[in-house]
């Protein structure tokens, strides 16, 4: 698990997201913030730092500042996740 000390900045928001099958959070980069993706249900393909990896229920992925990441629900089931963002400024 991650603790407050694992984040460099203050928390900005927490969002619960439901992604239908064959939908995507396109590849994108953040600036002075970092995000935690917590997979609540389902599975998908996460691209982080140029590498693809399968993610599924229970996985927690930390997207570092200035990193590139994206998420594709390539399954036939809904993908549900919690996104927590912290700002470095």
PDB file of N, CA and C in Angstrom:
ATOM      1  N   UNK A   1       0.844  -1.180   0.000  1.00  0.00           N
ATOM      2  CA  UNK A   1       0.000   0.000   0.000  1.00  0.00           C
ATOM      3  C   UNK A   1       0.887   1.240   0.000  1.00  0.00           C
ATOM      4  N   UNK A   2       0.284   2.325  -0.400  1.00  0.00           N
ATOM      5  CA  UNK A   2       0.990   3.605  -0.411  1.00  0.00           C
ATOM      6  C   UNK A   2       0.559   4.437   0.782  1.00  0.00           C
ATOM      7  N   UNK A   3       1.479   5.221   1.293  1.00  0.00           N
ATOM      8  CA  UNK A   3       1.209   6.107   2.428  1.00  0.00           C
ATOM      9  C   UNK A   3       1.411   7.551   1.976  1.00  0.00           C
ATOM     10  N   UNK A   4       1.031   8.488   2.778  1.00  0.00           N
ATOM     11  CA  UNK A   4       1.209   9.912   2.484  1.00  0.00           C
ATOM     12  C   UNK A   4       2.656  10.209   2.120  1.00  0.00           C
ATOM     13  N   UNK A   5       3.592   9.554   2.778  1.00  0.00           N
ATOM     14  CA  UNK A   5       5.017   9.790   2.524  1.00  0.00           C
ATOM     15  C   UNK A   5       5.431   9.361   1.111  1.00  0.00           C
ATOM     16  N   UNK A   6       4.638   8.514   0.455  1.00  0.00           N
ATOM     17  CA  UNK A   6       4.952   8.080  -0.899  1.00  0.00           C
ATOM     18  C   UNK A   6       4.647   9.156  -1.929  1.00  0.00           C
ATOM     19  N   UNK A   7       3.853  10.141  -1.565  1.00  0.00           N
ATOM     20  CA  UNK A   7       3.509  11.250  -2.455  1.00  0.00           C
ATOM     21  C   UNK A   7       4.350  12.464  -2.091  1.00  0.00           C
ATOM     22  N   UNK A   8       4.802  13.185  -3.094  1.00  0.00           N
ATOM     23  CA  UNK A   8       5.634  14.355  -2.848  1.00  0.00           C
ATOM     24  C   UNK A   8       4.827  15.613  -2.565  1.00  0.00           C
ATOM     25  N   UNK A   9       3.564  15.672  -3.018  1.00  0.00           N
ATOM     26  CA  UNK A   9       2.777  16.892  -2.877  1.00  0.00           C
ATOM     27  C   UNK A   9       1.468  16.663  -2.142  1.00  0.00           C
ATOM     28  N   UNK A  10       0.646  17.716  -2.141  1.00  0.00           N
ATOM     29  CA  UNK A  10      -0.657  17.666  -1.481  1.00  0.00           C
ATOM     30  C   UNK A  10      -1.692  17.052  -2.414  1.00  0.00           C
ATOM     31  N   UNK A  11      -2.658  16.349  -1.883  1.00  0.00           N
ATOM     32  CA  UNK A  11      -3.686  15.699  -2.686  1.00  0.00           C
ATOM     33  C   UNK A  11      -4.603  16.737  -3.322  1.00  0.00           C
ATOM     34  N   UNK A  12      -4.906  16.541  -4.610  1.00  0.00           N
ATOM     35  CA  UNK A  12      -5.817  17.425  -5.341  1.00  0.00           C
ATOM     36  C   UNK A  12      -7.231  16.870  -5.371  1.00  0.00           C
ATOM     37  N   UNK A  13      -7.377  15.607  -5.720  1.00  0.00           N
ATOM     38  CA  UNK A  13      -8.712  15.024  -5.850  1.00  0.00           C
ATOM     39  C   UNK A  13      -8.657  13.506  -5.815  1.00  0.00           C
ATOM     40  N   UNK A  14      -9.827  12.928  -5.633  1.00  0.00           N
ATOM     41  CA  UNK A  14     -10.040  11.490  -5.780  1.00  0.00           C
ATOM     42  C   UNK A  14     -11.288  11.320  -6.636  1.00  0.00           C
ATOM     43  N   UNK A  15     -11.176  10.552  -7.732  1.00  0.00           N
ATOM     44  CA  UNK A  15     -12.282  10.326  -8.660  1.00  0.00           C
ATOM     45  C   UNK A  15     -12.557   8.837  -8.798  1.00  0.00           C
ATOM     46  N   UNK A  16     -13.813   8.474  -8.796  1.00  0.00           N
ATOM     47  CA  UNK A  16     -14.210   7.107  -9.132  1.00  0.00           C
ATOM     48  C   UNK A  16     -14.619   7.124 -10.598  1.00  0.00           C
ATOM     49  N   UNK A  17     -13.987   6.286 -11.403  1.00  0.00           N
ATOM     50  CA  UNK A  17     -14.196   6.273 -12.848  1.00  0.00           C
ATOM     51  C   UNK A  17     -14.687   4.891 -13.264  1.00  0.00           C
ATOM     52  N   UNK A  18     -15.704   4.878 -14.139  1.00  0.00           N
ATOM     53  CA  UNK A  18     -16.179   3.632 -14.733  1.00  0.00           C
ATOM     54  C   UNK A  18     -15.944   3.724 -16.231  1.00  0.00           C
ATOM     55  N   UNK A  19     -15.132   2.806 -16.752  1.00  0.00           N
ATOM     56  CA  UNK A  19     -14.786   2.783 -18.171  1.00  0.00           C
ATOM     57  C   UNK A  19     -15.525   1.622 -18.833  1.00  0.00           C
ATOM     58  N   UNK A  20     -16.368   1.914 -19.822  1.00  0.00           N
ATOM     59  CA  UNK A  20     -17.041   0.828 -20.527  1.00  0.00           C
ATOM     60  C   UNK A  20     -16.055   0.011 -21.368  1.00  0.00           C
ATOM     61  N   UNK A  21     -16.451  -1.183 -21.785  1.00  0.00           N
ATOM     62  CA  UNK A  21     -15.577  -1.989 -22.641  1.00  0.00           C
ATOM     63  C   UNK A  21     -15.121  -1.205 -23.872  1.00  0.00           C
ATOM     64  N   UNK A  22     -13.891  -1.455 -24.277  1.00  0.00           N
ATOM     65  CA  UNK A  22     -13.283  -0.845 -25.467  1.00  0.00           C
ATOM     66  C   UNK A  22     -13.166   0.672 -25.382  1.00  0.00           C
ATOM     67  N   UNK A  23     -13.037   1.206 -24.169  1.00  0.00           N
ATOM     68  CA  UNK A  23     -12.808   2.641 -24.006  1.00  0.00           C
ATOM     69  C   UNK A  23     -11.382   2.857 -23.504  1.00  0.00           C
ATOM     70  N   UNK A  24     -10.943   4.116 -23.583  1.00  0.00           N
ATOM     71  CA  UNK A  24      -9.556   4.419 -23.256  1.00  0.00           C
ATOM     72  C   UNK A  24      -9.430   5.757 -22.547  1.00  0.00           C
ATOM     73  N   UNK A  25      -8.482   5.835 -21.624  1.00  0.00           N
ATOM     74  CA  UNK A  25      -7.963   7.090 -21.117  1.00  0.00           C
ATOM     75  C   UNK A  25      -6.661   7.239 -21.870  1.00  0.00           C
ATOM     76  N   UNK A  26      -6.676   7.980 -22.933  1.00  0.00           N
ATOM     77  CA  UNK A  26      -5.546   8.041 -23.856  1.00  0.00           C
ATOM     78  C   UNK A  26      -4.222   8.327 -23.181  1.00  0.00           C
ATOM     79  N   UNK A  27      -3.175   7.975 -23.876  1.00  0.00           N
ATOM     80  CA  UNK A  27      -1.819   8.212 -23.400  1.00  0.00           C
ATOM     81  C   UNK A  27      -1.637   9.714 -23.181  1.00  0.00           C
ATOM     82  N   UNK A  28      -1.202  10.095 -21.983  1.00  0.00           N
ATOM     83  CA  UNK A  28      -1.031  11.506 -21.662  1.00  0.00           C
ATOM     84  C   UNK A  28       0.055  11.679 -20.606  1.00  0.00           C
ATOM     85  N   UNK A  29       0.502  12.906 -20.473  1.00  0.00           N
ATOM     86  CA  UNK A  29       1.552  13.247 -19.499  1.00  0.00           C
ATOM     87  C   UNK A  29       1.038  14.324 -18.578  1.00  0.00           C
ATOM     88  N   UNK A  30       1.392  14.215 -17.317  1.00  0.00           N
ATOM     89  CA  UNK A  30       1.078  15.256 -16.343  1.00  0.00           C
ATOM     90  C   UNK A  30       2.354  16.045 -16.068  1.00  0.00           C
ATOM     91  N   UNK A  31       2.188  17.214 -15.545  1.00  0.00           N
ATOM     92  CA  UNK A  31       3.334  18.045 -15.196  1.00  0.00           C
ATOM     93  C   UNK A  31       3.737  17.827 -13.755  1.00  0.00           C
ATOM     94  N   UNK A  32       3.449  18.810 -12.949  1.00  0.00           N
ATOM     95  CA  UNK A  32       3.864  18.819 -11.543  1.00  0.00           C
ATOM     96  C   UNK A  32       2.842  18.120 -10.647  1.00  0.00           C
ATOM     97  N   UNK A  33       2.419  16.936 -11.043  1.00  0.00           N
ATOM     98  CA  UNK A  33       1.532  16.155 -10.184  1.00  0.00           C
ATOM     99  C   UNK A  33       1.786  14.676 -10.409  1.00  0.00           C
ATOM    100  N   UNK A  34       1.238  13.887  -9.532  1.00  0.00           N
ATOM    101  CA  UNK A  34       1.332  12.438  -9.641  1.00  0.00           C
ATOM    102  C   UNK A  34      -0.044  11.854  -9.347  1.00  0.00           C
ATOM    103  N   UNK A  35      -0.292  10.683  -9.900  1.00  0.00           N
ATOM    104  CA  UNK A  35      -1.599  10.058  -9.729  1.00  0.00           C
ATOM    105  C   UNK A  35      -1.437   8.615  -9.261  1.00  0.00           C
ATOM    106  N   UNK A  36      -2.402   8.188  -8.486  1.00  0.00           N
ATOM    107  CA  UNK A  36      -2.515   6.795  -8.077  1.00  0.00           C
ATOM    108  C   UNK A  36      -3.762   6.237  -8.740  1.00  0.00           C
ATOM    109  N   UNK A  37      -3.646   5.146  -9.476  1.00  0.00           N
ATOM    110  CA  UNK A  37      -4.787   4.416 -10.030  1.00  0.00           C
ATOM    111  C   UNK A  37      -4.981   3.169  -9.182  1.00  0.00           C
ATOM    112  N   UNK A  38      -6.168   2.993  -8.657  1.00  0.00           N
ATOM    113  CA  UNK A  38      -6.510   1.803  -7.891  1.00  0.00           C
ATOM    114  C   UNK A  38      -7.626   1.089  -8.654  1.00  0.00           C
ATOM    115  N   UNK A  39      -7.352  -0.112  -9.136  1.00  0.00           N
ATOM    116  CA  UNK A  39      -8.324  -0.862  -9.921  1.00  0.00           C
ATOM    117  C   UNK A  39      -9.307  -1.528  -8.955  1.00  0.00           C
ATOM    118  N   UNK A  40     -10.574  -1.102  -9.017  1.00  0.00           N
ATOM    119  CA  UNK A  40     -11.608  -1.617  -8.118  1.00  0.00           C
ATOM    120  C   UNK A  40     -12.290  -2.858  -8.681  1.00  0.00           C
ATOM    121  N   UNK A  41     -12.530  -2.882  -9.992  1.00  0.00           N
ATOM    122  CA  UNK A  41     -13.161  -4.017 -10.661  1.00  0.00           C
ATOM    123  C   UNK A  41     -12.729  -4.053 -12.110  1.00  0.00           C
ATOM    124  N   UNK A  42     -12.654  -5.251 -12.661  1.00  0.00           N
ATOM    125  CA  UNK A  42     -12.329  -5.412 -14.062  1.00  0.00           C
ATOM    126  C   UNK A  42     -10.835  -5.501 -14.302  1.00  0.00           C
ATOM    127  N   UNK A  43     -10.470  -5.374 -15.579  1.00  0.00           N
ATOM    128  CA  UNK A  43      -9.067  -5.425 -15.967  1.00  0.00           C
ATOM    129  C   UNK A  43      -8.862  -4.643 -17.255  1.00  0.00           C
ATOM    130  N   UNK A  44      -7.611  -4.309 -17.520  1.00  0.00           N
ATOM    131  CA  UNK A  44      -7.289  -3.557 -18.724  1.00  0.00           C
ATOM    132  C   UNK A  44      -5.807  -3.577 -18.998  1.00  0.00           C
ATOM    133  N   UNK A  45      -5.406  -2.748 -19.948  1.00  0.00           N
ATOM    134  CA  UNK A  45      -4.008  -2.644 -20.344  1.00  0.00           C
ATOM    135  C   UNK A  45      -3.518  -1.240 -20.017  1.00  0.00           C
ATOM    136  N   UNK A  46      -2.553  -1.152 -19.131  1.00  0.00           N
ATOM    137  CA  UNK A  46      -1.986   0.122 -18.690  1.00  0.00           C
ATOM    138  C   UNK A  46      -0.661   0.340 -19.407  1.00  0.00           C
ATOM    139  N   UNK A  47      -0.493   1.534 -19.950  1.00  0.00           N
ATOM    140  CA  UNK A  47       0.795   1.925 -20.510  1.00  0.00           C
ATOM    141  C   UNK A  47       1.402   2.940 -19.555  1.00  0.00           C
ATOM    142  N   UNK A  48       2.581   2.658 -19.081  1.00  0.00           N
ATOM    143  CA  UNK A  48       3.247   3.560 -18.144  1.00  0.00           C
ATOM    144  C   UNK A  48       4.746   3.549 -18.455  1.00  0.00           C
ATOM    145  N   UNK A  49       5.275   4.736 -18.681  1.00  0.00           N
ATOM    146  CA  UNK A  49       6.696   4.862 -18.997  1.00  0.00           C
ATOM    147  C   UNK A  49       7.095   4.080 -20.239  1.00  0.00           C
ATOM    148  N   UNK A  50       6.192   3.993 -21.212  1.00  0.00           N
ATOM    149  CA  UNK A  50       6.502   3.304 -22.454  1.00  0.00           C
ATOM    150  C   UNK A  50       6.329   1.795 -22.426  1.00  0.00           C
ATOM    151  N   UNK A  51       5.908   1.236 -21.292  1.00  0.00           N
ATOM    152  CA  UNK A  51       5.719  -0.210 -21.179  1.00  0.00           C
ATOM    153  C   UNK A  51       4.248  -0.529 -20.939  1.00  0.00           C
ATOM    154  N   UNK A  52       3.780  -1.619 -21.539  1.00  0.00           N
ATOM    155  CA  UNK A  52       2.412  -2.083 -21.336  1.00  0.00           C
ATOM    156  C   UNK A  52       2.390  -3.183 -20.282  1.00  0.00           C
ATOM    157  N   UNK A  53       1.365  -3.128 -19.400  1.00  0.00           N
ATOM    158  CA  UNK A  53       1.208  -4.189 -18.418  1.00  0.00           C
ATOM    159  C   UNK A  53      -0.270  -4.383 -18.130  1.00  0.00           C
ATOM    160  N   UNK A  54      -0.656  -5.628 -17.884  1.00  0.00           N
ATOM    161  CA  UNK A  54      -2.029  -5.951 -17.522  1.00  0.00           C
ATOM    162  C   UNK A  54      -2.284  -5.464 -16.102  1.00  0.00           C
ATOM    163  N   UNK A  55      -3.436  -4.855 -15.901  1.00  0.00           N
ATOM    164  CA  UNK A  55      -3.858  -4.452 -14.564  1.00  0.00           C
ATOM    165  C   UNK A  55      -5.226  -5.072 -14.310  1.00  0.00           C
ATOM    166  N   UNK A  56      -5.488  -5.394 -13.057  1.00  0.00           N
ATOM    167  CA  UNK A  56      -6.761  -6.017 -12.693  1.00  0.00           C
ATOM    168  C   UNK A  56      -7.129  -5.639 -11.265  1.00  0.00           C
ATOM    169  N   UNK A  57      -8.315  -6.033 -10.883  1.00  0.00           N
ATOM    170  CA  UNK A  57      -8.849  -5.713  -9.561  1.00  0.00           C
ATOM    171  C   UNK A  57      -7.788  -5.913  -8.475  1.00  0.00           C
ATOM    172  N   UNK A  58      -7.634  -4.875  -7.650  1.00  0.00           N
ATOM    173  CA  UNK A  58      -6.680  -4.922  -6.547  1.00  0.00           C
ATOM    174  C   UNK A  58      -5.346  -4.264  -6.853  1.00  0.00           C
ATOM    175  N   UNK A  59      -5.041  -4.030  -8.132  1.00  0.00           N
ATOM    176  CA  UNK A  59      -3.765  -3.398  -8.484  1.00  0.00           C
ATOM    177  C   UNK A  59      -3.780  -1.909  -8.149  1.00  0.00           C
ATOM    178  N   UNK A  60      -2.610  -1.409  -7.726  1.00  0.00           N
ATOM    179  CA  UNK A  60      -2.409   0.009  -7.444  1.00  0.00           C
ATOM    180  C   UNK A  60      -1.202   0.463  -8.255  1.00  0.00           C
ATOM    181  N   UNK A  61      -1.398   1.492  -9.074  1.00  0.00           N
ATOM    182  CA  UNK A  61      -0.343   1.957  -9.963  1.00  0.00           C
ATOM    183  C   UNK A  61      -0.058   3.423  -9.666  1.00  0.00           C
ATOM    184  N   UNK A  62       1.192   3.761  -9.406  1.00  0.00           N
ATOM    185  CA  UNK A  62       1.577   5.147  -9.134  1.00  0.00           C
ATOM    186  C   UNK A  62       2.185   5.753 -10.393  1.00  0.00           C
ATOM    187  N   UNK A  63       1.557   6.789 -10.905  1.00  0.00           N
ATOM    188  CA  UNK A  63       2.043   7.521 -12.071  1.00  0.00           C
ATOM    189  C   UNK A  63       2.844   8.718 -11.573  1.00  0.00           C
ATOM    190  N   UNK A  64       4.141   8.666 -11.789  1.00  0.00           N
ATOM    191  CA  UNK A  64       5.063   9.685 -11.263  1.00  0.00           C
ATOM    192  C   UNK A  64       4.945  11.016 -12.011  1.00  0.00           C
ATOM    193  N   UNK A  65       5.397  12.118 -11.391  1.00  0.00           N
ATOM    194  CA  UNK A  65       5.393  13.425 -12.066  1.00  0.00           C
ATOM    195  C   UNK A  65       6.154  13.370 -13.393  1.00  0.00           C
ATOM    196  N   UNK A  66       5.613  14.055 -14.381  1.00  0.00           N
ATOM    197  CA  UNK A  66       6.194  14.147 -15.716  1.00  0.00           C
ATOM    198  C   UNK A  66       6.252  12.804 -16.442  1.00  0.00           C
ATOM    199  N   UNK A  67       5.569  11.804 -15.908  1.00  0.00           N
ATOM    200  CA  UNK A  67       5.520  10.500 -16.560  1.00  0.00           C
ATOM    201  C   UNK A  67       4.375  10.438 -17.564  1.00  0.00           C
ATOM    202  N   UNK A  68       4.478   9.525 -18.507  1.00  0.00           N
ATOM    203  CA  UNK A  68       3.443   9.309 -19.511  1.00  0.00           C
ATOM    204  C   UNK A  68       2.718   8.016 -19.176  1.00  0.00           C
ATOM    205  N   UNK A  69       1.376   8.067 -19.238  1.00  0.00           N
ATOM    206  CA  UNK A  69       0.596   6.878 -18.943  1.00  0.00           C
ATOM    207  C   UNK A  69      -0.763   6.937 -19.637  1.00  0.00           C
ATOM    208  N   UNK A  70      -1.389   5.797 -19.746  1.00  0.00           N
ATOM    209  CA  UNK A  70      -2.716   5.680 -20.329  1.00  0.00           C
ATOM    210  C   UNK A  70      -3.319   4.356 -19.906  1.00  0.00           C
ATOM    211  N   UNK A  71      -4.630   4.225 -20.074  1.00  0.00           N
ATOM    212  CA  UNK A  71      -5.323   3.009 -19.674  1.00  0.00           C
ATOM    213  C   UNK A  71      -6.353   2.660 -20.729  1.00  0.00           C
ATOM    214  N   UNK A  72      -6.346   1.403 -21.158  1.00  0.00           N
ATOM    215  CA  UNK A  72      -7.277   0.896 -22.154  1.00  0.00           C
ATOM    216  C   UNK A  72      -8.080  -0.230 -21.525  1.00  0.00           C
ATOM    217  N   UNK A  73      -9.411  -0.117 -21.594  1.00  0.00           N
ATOM    218  CA  UNK A  73     -10.256  -1.236 -21.196  1.00  0.00           C
ATOM    219  C   UNK A  73     -10.474  -2.076 -22.445  1.00  0.00           C
ATOM    220  N   UNK A  74      -9.622  -3.059 -22.635  1.00  0.00           N
ATOM    221  CA  UNK A  74      -9.706  -3.929 -23.803  1.00  0.00           C
ATOM    222  C   UNK A  74     -10.500  -5.200 -23.522  1.00  0.00           C
ATOM    223  N   UNK A  75     -11.255  -5.181 -22.418  1.00  0.00           N
ATOM    224  CA  UNK A  75     -12.070  -6.337 -22.053  1.00  0.00           C
ATOM    225  C   UNK A  75     -13.522  -6.126 -22.494  1.00  0.00           C
ATOM    226  N   UNK A  76     -14.347  -7.115 -22.218  1.00  0.00           N
ATOM    227  CA  UNK A  76     -15.775  -6.997 -22.528  1.00  0.00           C
ATOM    228  C   UNK A  76     -16.591  -6.666 -21.283  1.00  0.00           C
ATOM    229  N   UNK A  77     -15.894  -6.274 -20.199  1.00  0.00           N
ATOM    230  CA  UNK A  77     -16.536  -5.907 -18.941  1.00  0.00           C
ATOM    231  C   UNK A  77     -16.159  -4.466 -18.565  1.00  0.00           C
ATOM    232  N   UNK A  78     -16.988  -3.849 -17.728  1.00  0.00           N
ATOM    233  CA  UNK A  78     -16.683  -2.506 -17.238  1.00  0.00           C
ATOM    234  C   UNK A  78     -15.418  -2.545 -16.377  1.00  0.00           C
ATOM    235  N   UNK A  79     -14.606  -1.512 -16.488  1.00  0.00           N
ATOM    236  CA  UNK A  79     -13.403  -1.338 -15.668  1.00  0.00           C
ATOM    237  C   UNK A  79     -13.669  -0.168 -14.730  1.00  0.00           C
ATOM    238  N   UNK A  80     -13.564  -0.407 -13.436  1.00  0.00           N
ATOM    239  CA  UNK A  80     -13.827   0.628 -12.434  1.00  0.00           C
ATOM    240  C   UNK A  80     -12.542   0.903 -11.655  1.00  0.00           C
ATOM    241  N   UNK A  81     -12.222   2.187 -11.506  1.00  0.00           N
ATOM    242  CA  UNK A  81     -11.009   2.536 -10.789  1.00  0.00           C
ATOM    243  C   UNK A  81     -11.197   3.808  -9.976  1.00  0.00           C
ATOM    244  N   UNK A  82     -10.327   3.986  -9.021  1.00  0.00           N
ATOM    245  CA  UNK A  82     -10.248   5.183  -8.211  1.00  0.00           C
ATOM    246  C   UNK A  82      -8.954   5.876  -8.599  1.00  0.00           C
ATOM    247  N   UNK A  83      -9.042   7.175  -8.908  1.00  0.00           N
ATOM    248  CA  UNK A  83      -7.855   7.966  -9.259  1.00  0.00           C
ATOM    249  C   UNK A  83      -7.661   9.023  -8.175  1.00  0.00           C
ATOM    250  N   UNK A  84      -6.485   9.045  -7.601  1.00  0.00           N
ATOM    251  CA  UNK A  84      -6.129  10.040  -6.587  1.00  0.00           C
ATOM    252  C   UNK A  84      -4.959  10.841  -7.146  1.00  0.00           C
ATOM    253  N   UNK A  85      -5.098  12.154  -7.191  1.00  0.00           N
ATOM    254  CA  UNK A  85      -4.029  13.006  -7.717  1.00  0.00           C
ATOM    255  C   UNK A  85      -3.477  13.904  -6.626  1.00  0.00           C
ATOM    256  N   UNK A  86      -2.148  14.014  -6.613  1.00  0.00           N
ATOM    257  CA  UNK A  86      -1.450  14.893  -5.687  1.00  0.00           C
ATOM    258  C   UNK A  86      -0.599  15.864  -6.495  1.00  0.00           C
ATOM    259  N   UNK A  87      -0.581  17.122  -6.065  1.00  0.00           N
ATOM    260  CA  UNK A  87       0.172  18.165  -6.763  1.00  0.00           C
ATOM    261  C   UNK A  87       1.475  18.447  -6.030  1.00  0.00           C
ATOM    262  N   UNK A  88       2.535  18.690  -6.791  1.00  0.00           N
ATOM    263  CA  UNK A  88       3.829  19.013  -6.194  1.00  0.00           C
ATOM    264  C   UNK A  88       3.919  20.492  -5.820  1.00  0.00           C
ATOM    265  N   UNK A  89       3.003  21.305  -6.348  1.00  0.00           N
ATOM    266  CA  UNK A  89       3.054  22.744  -6.068  1.00  0.00           C
ATOM    267  C   UNK A  89       2.015  23.136  -5.087  1.00  0.00           C
TER     268      UNK A  89
END
